Amino acid sequence: MESGEFPQQELTGICLRTCMIHYAAYRNIFPLWALGEYRRHVLLPSYSI
């Protein structure tokens, strides 16, 4: 789309082939979650002894 958004699909995810999810905020939350995971695992690695 011209605004940079992707068209809304009917389903966002499926869990165990029985639970179908339509989560409108998923497209906004997933990138933030992924960046947080990257920061936690790559930029701030924990050192275990």
PDB file of N, CA and C in Angstrom:
ATOM      1  N   MET A   1       0.834  -1.174   0.000  1.00  0.00           N
ATOM      2  CA  MET A   1       0.000   0.000   0.000  1.00  0.00           C
ATOM      3  C   MET A   1       0.882   1.241   0.000  1.00  0.00           C
ATOM      4  N   GLU A   2       0.336   2.336  -0.388  1.00  0.00           N
ATOM      5  CA  GLU A   2       1.101   3.571  -0.477  1.00  0.00           C
ATOM      6  C   GLU A   2       1.575   4.072   0.879  1.00  0.00           C
ATOM      7  N   SER A   3       0.831   3.790   1.932  1.00  0.00           N
ATOM      8  CA  SER A   3       1.201   4.257   3.268  1.00  0.00           C
ATOM      9  C   SER A   3       2.273   3.379   3.913  1.00  0.00           C
ATOM     10  N   GLY A   4       2.666   2.301   3.274  1.00  0.00           N
ATOM     11  CA  GLY A   4       3.663   1.400   3.830  1.00  0.00           C
ATOM     12  C   GLY A   4       3.070   0.270   4.644  1.00  0.00           C
ATOM     13  N   GLU A   5       1.770   0.257   4.829  1.00  0.00           N
ATOM     14  CA  GLU A   5       1.124  -0.808   5.576  1.00  0.00           C
ATOM     15  C   GLU A   5       0.818  -1.976   4.649  1.00  0.00           C
ATOM     16  N   PHE A   6       0.668  -3.135   5.239  1.00  0.00           N
ATOM     17  CA  PHE A   6       0.263  -4.279   4.440  1.00  0.00           C
ATOM     18  C   PHE A   6      -1.232  -4.491   4.623  1.00  0.00           C
ATOM     19  N   PRO A   7      -1.899  -5.041   3.624  1.00  0.00           N
ATOM     20  CA  PRO A   7      -3.346  -5.233   3.746  1.00  0.00           C
ATOM     21  C   PRO A   7      -3.683  -6.213   4.867  1.00  0.00           C
ATOM     22  N   GLN A   8      -4.771  -5.956   5.548  1.00  0.00           N
ATOM     23  CA  GLN A   8      -5.189  -6.803   6.665  1.00  0.00           C
ATOM     24  C   GLN A   8      -5.616  -8.166   6.148  1.00  0.00           C
ATOM     25  N   GLN A   9      -5.002  -9.184   6.678  1.00  0.00           N
ATOM     26  CA  GLN A   9      -5.358 -10.546   6.320  1.00  0.00           C
ATOM     27  C   GLN A   9      -6.448 -11.029   7.267  1.00  0.00           C
ATOM     28  N   GLU A  10      -7.064 -12.116   6.926  1.00  0.00           N
ATOM     29  CA  GLU A  10      -8.118 -12.641   7.786  1.00  0.00           C
ATOM     30  C   GLU A  10      -7.564 -13.223   9.079  1.00  0.00           C
ATOM     31  N   LEU A  11      -6.410 -13.883   9.015  1.00  0.00           N
ATOM     32  CA  LEU A  11      -5.829 -14.495  10.208  1.00  0.00           C
ATOM     33  C   LEU A  11      -4.409 -13.992  10.402  1.00  0.00           C
ATOM     34  N   THR A  12      -4.023 -13.773  11.640  1.00  0.00           N
ATOM     35  CA  THR A  12      -2.657 -13.379  11.951  1.00  0.00           C
ATOM     36  C   THR A  12      -1.812 -14.591  12.294  1.00  0.00           C
ATOM     37  N   GLY A  13      -2.375 -15.560  12.978  1.00  0.00           N
ATOM     38  CA  GLY A  13      -1.620 -16.746  13.348  1.00  0.00           C
ATOM     39  C   GLY A  13      -2.524 -17.896  13.711  1.00  0.00           C
ATOM     40  N   ILE A  14      -1.947 -19.075  13.731  1.00  0.00           N
ATOM     41  CA  ILE A  14      -2.691 -20.275  14.102  1.00  0.00           C
ATOM     42  C   ILE A  14      -1.863 -21.020  15.141  1.00  0.00           C
ATOM     43  N   CYS A  15      -2.506 -21.432  16.215  1.00  0.00           N
ATOM     44  CA  CYS A  15      -1.841 -22.132  17.309  1.00  0.00           C
ATOM     45  C   CYS A  15      -2.398 -23.551  17.402  1.00  0.00           C
ATOM     46  N   LEU A  16      -1.541 -24.530  17.268  1.00  0.00           N
ATOM     47  CA  LEU A  16      -1.923 -25.945  17.375  1.00  0.00           C
ATOM     48  C   LEU A  16      -3.029 -26.347  16.402  1.00  0.00           C
ATOM     49  N   ARG A  17      -3.113 -25.658  15.287  1.00  0.00           N
ATOM     50  CA  ARG A  17      -4.077 -25.942  14.217  1.00  0.00           C
ATOM     51  C   ARG A  17      -5.534 -25.805  14.644  1.00  0.00           C
ATOM     52  N   THR A  18      -5.784 -25.282  15.842  1.00  0.00           N
ATOM     53  CA  THR A  18      -7.161 -25.160  16.308  1.00  0.00           C
ATOM     54  C   THR A  18      -7.539 -23.737  16.693  1.00  0.00           C
ATOM     55  N   CYS A  19      -6.584 -22.931  17.059  1.00  0.00           N
ATOM     56  CA  CYS A  19      -6.861 -21.574  17.535  1.00  0.00           C
ATOM     57  C   CYS A  19      -6.379 -20.570  16.494  1.00  0.00           C
ATOM     58  N   MET A  20      -7.297 -19.871  15.865  1.00  0.00           N
ATOM     59  CA  MET A  20      -6.950 -18.880  14.861  1.00  0.00           C
ATOM     60  C   MET A  20      -7.000 -17.489  15.484  1.00  0.00           C
ATOM     61  N   ILE A  21      -5.971 -16.688  15.225  1.00  0.00           N
ATOM     62  CA  ILE A  21      -5.824 -15.389  15.871  1.00  0.00           C
ATOM     63  C   ILE A  21      -5.955 -14.270  14.847  1.00  0.00           C
ATOM     64  N   HIS A  22      -6.753 -13.297  15.159  1.00  0.00           N
ATOM     65  CA  HIS A  22      -6.829 -12.065  14.376  1.00  0.00           C
ATOM     66  C   HIS A  22      -6.482 -10.945  15.341  1.00  0.00           C
ATOM     67  N   TYR A  23      -5.253 -10.461  15.266  1.00  0.00           N
ATOM     68  CA  TYR A  23      -4.741  -9.513  16.235  1.00  0.00           C
ATOM     69  C   TYR A  23      -4.274  -8.280  15.478  1.00  0.00           C
ATOM     70  N   ALA A  24      -5.063  -7.222  15.504  1.00  0.00           N
ATOM     71  CA  ALA A  24      -4.786  -6.034  14.694  1.00  0.00           C
ATOM     72  C   ALA A  24      -3.497  -5.331  15.095  1.00  0.00           C
ATOM     73  N   ALA A  25      -3.110  -5.368  16.357  1.00  0.00           N
ATOM     74  CA  ALA A  25      -1.901  -4.675  16.807  1.00  0.00           C
ATOM     75  C   ALA A  25      -0.635  -5.507  16.603  1.00  0.00           C
ATOM     76  N   TYR A  26      -0.759  -6.738  16.113  1.00  0.00           N
ATOM     77  CA  TYR A  26       0.395  -7.620  15.932  1.00  0.00           C
ATOM     78  C   TYR A  26       1.452  -6.974  15.051  1.00  0.00           C
ATOM     79  N   ARG A  27       1.032  -6.317  14.003  1.00  0.00           N
ATOM     80  CA  ARG A  27       1.997  -5.708  13.081  1.00  0.00           C
ATOM     81  C   ARG A  27       2.771  -4.580  13.736  1.00  0.00           C
ATOM     82  N   ASN A  28       2.246  -3.992  14.801  1.00  0.00           N
ATOM     83  CA  ASN A  28       2.968  -2.939  15.507  1.00  0.00           C
ATOM     84  C   ASN A  28       3.808  -3.496  16.647  1.00  0.00           C
ATOM     85  N   ILE A  29       3.339  -4.531  17.290  1.00  0.00           N
ATOM     86  CA  ILE A  29       4.022  -5.069  18.460  1.00  0.00           C
ATOM     87  C   ILE A  29       5.175  -5.993  18.081  1.00  0.00           C
ATOM     88  N   PHE A  30       5.029  -6.799  17.041  1.00  0.00           N
ATOM     89  CA  PHE A  30       6.074  -7.757  16.686  1.00  0.00           C
ATOM     90  C   PHE A  30       7.416  -7.099  16.404  1.00  0.00           C
ATOM     91  N   PRO A  31       7.500  -6.010  15.620  1.00  0.00           N
ATOM     92  CA  PRO A  31       8.814  -5.390  15.396  1.00  0.00           C
ATOM     93  C   PRO A  31       9.460  -4.895  16.692  1.00  0.00           C
ATOM     94  N   LEU A  32       8.670  -4.341  17.610  1.00  0.00           N
ATOM     95  CA  LEU A  32       9.222  -3.891  18.890  1.00  0.00           C
ATOM     96  C   LEU A  32       9.712  -5.076  19.720  1.00  0.00           C
ATOM     97  N   TRP A  33       8.954  -6.152  19.718  1.00  0.00           N
ATOM     98  CA  TRP A  33       9.365  -7.351  20.439  1.00  0.00           C
ATOM     99  C   TRP A  33      10.668  -7.902  19.857  1.00  0.00           C
ATOM    100  N   ALA A  34      10.754  -7.952  18.518  1.00  0.00           N
ATOM    101  CA  ALA A  34      11.947  -8.481  17.865  1.00  0.00           C
ATOM    102  C   ALA A  34      13.168  -7.619  18.177  1.00  0.00           C
ATOM    103  N   LEU A  35      13.018  -6.306  18.180  1.00  0.00           N
ATOM    104  CA  LEU A  35      14.133  -5.426  18.525  1.00  0.00           C
ATOM    105  C   LEU A  35      14.553  -5.614  19.981  1.00  0.00           C
ATOM    106  N   GLY A  36      13.595  -5.803  20.859  1.00  0.00           N
ATOM    107  CA  GLY A  36      13.914  -6.057  22.261  1.00  0.00           C
ATOM    108  C   GLY A  36      14.681  -7.359  22.446  1.00  0.00           C
ATOM    109  N   GLU A  37      14.275  -8.397  21.728  1.00  0.00           N
ATOM    110  CA  GLU A  37      14.984  -9.673  21.797  1.00  0.00           C
ATOM    111  C   GLU A  37      16.399  -9.538  21.249  1.00  0.00           C
ATOM    112  N   TYR A  38      16.555  -8.797  20.165  1.00  0.00           N
ATOM    113  CA  TYR A  38      17.883  -8.568  19.588  1.00  0.00           C
ATOM    114  C   TYR A  38      18.773  -7.846  20.594  1.00  0.00           C
ATOM    115  N   ARG A  39      18.231  -6.814  21.214  1.00  0.00           N
ATOM    116  CA  ARG A  39      18.996  -6.047  22.205  1.00  0.00           C
ATOM    117  C   ARG A  39      19.393  -6.939  23.376  1.00  0.00           C
ATOM    118  N   ARG A  40      18.469  -7.749  23.831  1.00  0.00           N
ATOM    119  CA  ARG A  40      18.728  -8.597  24.994  1.00  0.00           C
ATOM    120  C   ARG A  40      19.768  -9.674  24.696  1.00  0.00           C
ATOM    121  N   HIS A  41      19.717 -10.264  23.500  1.00  0.00           N
ATOM    122  CA  HIS A  41      20.600 -11.389  23.196  1.00  0.00           C
ATOM    123  C   HIS A  41      21.900 -10.986  22.517  1.00  0.00           C
ATOM    124  N   VAL A  42      21.909  -9.878  21.768  1.00  0.00           N
ATOM    125  CA  VAL A  42      23.102  -9.508  21.007  1.00  0.00           C
ATOM    126  C   VAL A  42      23.835  -8.337  21.654  1.00  0.00           C
ATOM    127  N   LEU A  43      23.123  -7.287  21.962  1.00  0.00           N
ATOM    128  CA  LEU A  43      23.777  -6.096  22.489  1.00  0.00           C
ATOM    129  C   LEU A  43      24.094  -6.197  23.979  1.00  0.00           C
ATOM    130  N   LEU A  44      23.289  -6.931  24.737  1.00  0.00           N
ATOM    131  CA  LEU A  44      23.503  -7.087  26.178  1.00  0.00           C
ATOM    132  C   LEU A  44      23.565  -8.566  26.548  1.00  0.00           C
ATOM    133  N   PRO A  45      24.556  -9.283  26.036  1.00  0.00           N
ATOM    134  CA  PRO A  45      24.602 -10.717  26.348  1.00  0.00           C
ATOM    135  C   PRO A  45      24.920 -10.936  27.823  1.00  0.00           C
ATOM    136  N   SER A  46      24.326 -11.957  28.394  1.00  0.00           N
ATOM    137  CA  SER A  46      24.607 -12.296  29.794  1.00  0.00           C
ATOM    138  C   SER A  46      25.753 -13.301  29.823  1.00  0.00           C
ATOM    139  N   TYR A  47      26.577 -13.136  30.801  1.00  0.00           N
ATOM    140  CA  TYR A  47      27.713 -14.031  30.955  1.00  0.00           C
ATOM    141  C   TYR A  47      27.440 -14.961  32.123  1.00  0.00           C
ATOM    142  N   SER A  48      27.277 -16.234  31.840  1.00  0.00           N
ATOM    143  CA  SER A  48      27.051 -17.206  32.913  1.00  0.00           C
ATOM    144  C   SER A  48      28.355 -17.941  33.199  1.00  0.00           C
ATOM    145  N   ILE A  49      28.596 -18.189  34.450  1.00  0.00           N
ATOM    146  CA  ILE A  49      29.845 -18.851  34.856  1.00  0.00           C
ATOM    147  C   ILE A  49      29.543 -20.287  35.234  1.00  0.00           C
TER     148      ILE A  49
END
